[in-house]
């Protein structure tokens, strides 16, 4: 059997098997990430957000003492900060477990 760009048939089969194993591992890592829950807080724990790896907010807790009808802007900022922190945690975890691959395999 003729080689393909210098690869014999056996070598090509081995490369395909390695690629399939890598793809399966990436899928397992993706599922683990999506099923993880990330906790983030802001304002010294006044606002807490729980978000899945799919970036779905599953819980939001606001301590009563941070609710000031005269300063809704501060509360909004605290909520945004907590959500942004959870998103950063997801981004960091994604970068940690996913290989850098051309074409964005993840």
Protein backbone atom coordinates (compact mmCIF):
# COMPACT_ATOMS: atom_id res chain seq x y z
CA UNK A 1 0.00 0.00 0.00
CA UNK A 2 1.39 3.37 -0.98
CA UNK A 3 2.12 5.89 1.75
CA UNK A 4 0.20 9.13 2.18
CA UNK A 5 2.58 12.08 2.31
CA UNK A 6 5.27 9.82 3.68
CA UNK A 7 3.01 8.01 6.16
CA UNK A 8 2.43 4.32 5.76
CA UNK A 9 -1.05 2.89 6.25
CA UNK A 10 -0.24 1.69 9.79
CA UNK A 11 1.05 5.10 10.81
CA UNK A 12 -2.06 6.78 9.45
CA UNK A 13 -4.27 4.36 11.40
CA UNK A 14 -2.33 5.16 14.55
CA UNK A 15 -2.68 8.90 13.97
CA UNK A 16 -6.43 8.51 13.46
CA UNK A 17 -6.73 6.50 16.68
CA UNK A 18 -4.78 9.16 18.59
CA UNK A 19 -6.99 11.89 17.15
CA UNK A 20 -10.11 9.97 18.16
CA UNK A 21 -8.77 9.48 21.71
CA UNK A 22 -8.01 13.18 21.95
CA UNK A 23 -11.48 14.06 20.70
CA UNK A 24 -13.05 11.75 23.29
CA UNK A 25 -10.97 13.34 26.05
CA UNK A 26 -11.99 16.82 24.92
CA UNK A 27 -15.64 15.75 25.01
CA UNK A 28 -15.24 14.37 28.57
CA UNK A 29 -13.50 17.58 29.65
CA UNK A 30 -16.25 19.68 28.05
CA UNK A 31 -18.96 17.72 29.86
CA UNK A 32 -17.10 18.02 33.17
CA UNK A 33 -16.77 21.78 32.67
CA UNK A 34 -20.43 22.21 31.72
CA UNK A 35 -21.55 20.23 34.80
CA UNK A 36 -19.31 22.18 37.18
CA UNK A 37 -20.73 24.96 39.34
CA UNK A 38 -18.67 28.11 39.89
CA UNK A 39 -19.23 30.32 42.94
CA UNK A 40 -18.39 34.00 42.89
CA UNK A 41 -18.99 36.81 45.33
CA UNK A 42 -18.65 40.57 45.42
CA UNK A 43 -18.91 43.25 48.05
CA UNK A 44 -17.18 41.09 50.64
CA UNK A 45 -19.77 38.35 50.24
CA UNK A 46 -22.78 40.64 50.05
CA UNK A 47 -23.71 39.21 46.64
CA UNK A 48 -23.13 35.58 45.67
CA UNK A 49 -23.64 34.04 42.24
CA UNK A 50 -23.54 30.37 41.30
CA UNK A 51 -23.10 29.64 37.61
CA UNK A 52 -22.67 26.43 35.64
CA UNK A 53 -19.92 25.88 33.10
CA UNK A 54 -22.63 26.49 30.49
CA UNK A 55 -22.77 30.03 31.90
CA UNK A 56 -26.26 29.57 33.33
CA UNK A 57 -26.90 31.40 36.60
CA UNK A 58 -28.41 28.83 38.95
CA UNK A 59 -28.41 30.88 42.16
CA UNK A 60 -28.18 34.49 43.21
CA UNK A 61 -28.09 35.52 46.87
CA UNK A 62 -28.17 39.10 48.08
CA UNK A 63 -27.71 39.93 51.75
CA UNK A 64 -30.50 42.23 52.96
CA UNK A 65 -28.10 44.82 54.37
CA UNK A 66 -26.79 45.62 50.87
CA UNK A 67 -30.27 46.49 49.58
CA UNK A 68 -30.59 50.25 49.76
CA UNK A 69 -33.48 51.74 47.75
CA UNK A 70 -31.47 54.97 47.58
CA UNK A 71 -28.47 53.24 45.97
CA UNK A 72 -29.71 50.68 43.45
CA UNK A 73 -26.67 51.43 41.26
CA UNK A 74 -24.34 49.92 43.86
CA UNK A 75 -26.40 46.73 44.06
CA UNK A 76 -26.44 46.44 40.27
CA UNK A 77 -22.65 46.89 40.21
CA UNK A 78 -22.20 44.16 42.83
CA UNK A 79 -24.34 41.74 40.85
CA UNK A 80 -22.44 42.50 37.64
CA UNK A 81 -19.10 42.07 39.42
CA UNK A 82 -20.11 38.67 40.80
CA UNK A 83 -21.34 37.47 37.40
CA UNK A 84 -18.16 38.70 35.71
CA UNK A 85 -16.05 36.90 38.33
CA UNK A 86 -17.92 33.63 37.71
CA UNK A 87 -17.40 34.04 33.96
CA UNK A 88 -13.68 34.61 34.52
CA UNK A 89 -13.49 31.44 36.61
CA UNK A 90 -15.13 29.50 33.77
CA UNK A 91 -12.73 31.04 31.23
CA UNK A 92 -9.74 30.15 33.43
CA UNK A 93 -10.93 26.57 33.89
CA UNK A 94 -11.59 26.23 30.16
CA UNK A 95 -8.07 27.43 29.35
CA UNK A 96 -6.66 25.02 31.93
CA UNK A 97 -8.35 21.87 30.66
CA UNK A 98 -8.68 22.52 26.94
CA UNK A 99 -5.67 22.31 24.66
CA UNK A 100 -4.91 25.22 22.39
CA UNK A 101 -5.97 23.94 19.03
CA UNK A 102 -6.31 25.67 15.73
CA UNK A 103 -9.88 26.00 14.60
CA UNK A 104 -11.26 26.11 18.13
CA UNK A 105 -12.03 22.46 18.84
CA UNK A 106 -13.84 23.64 21.98
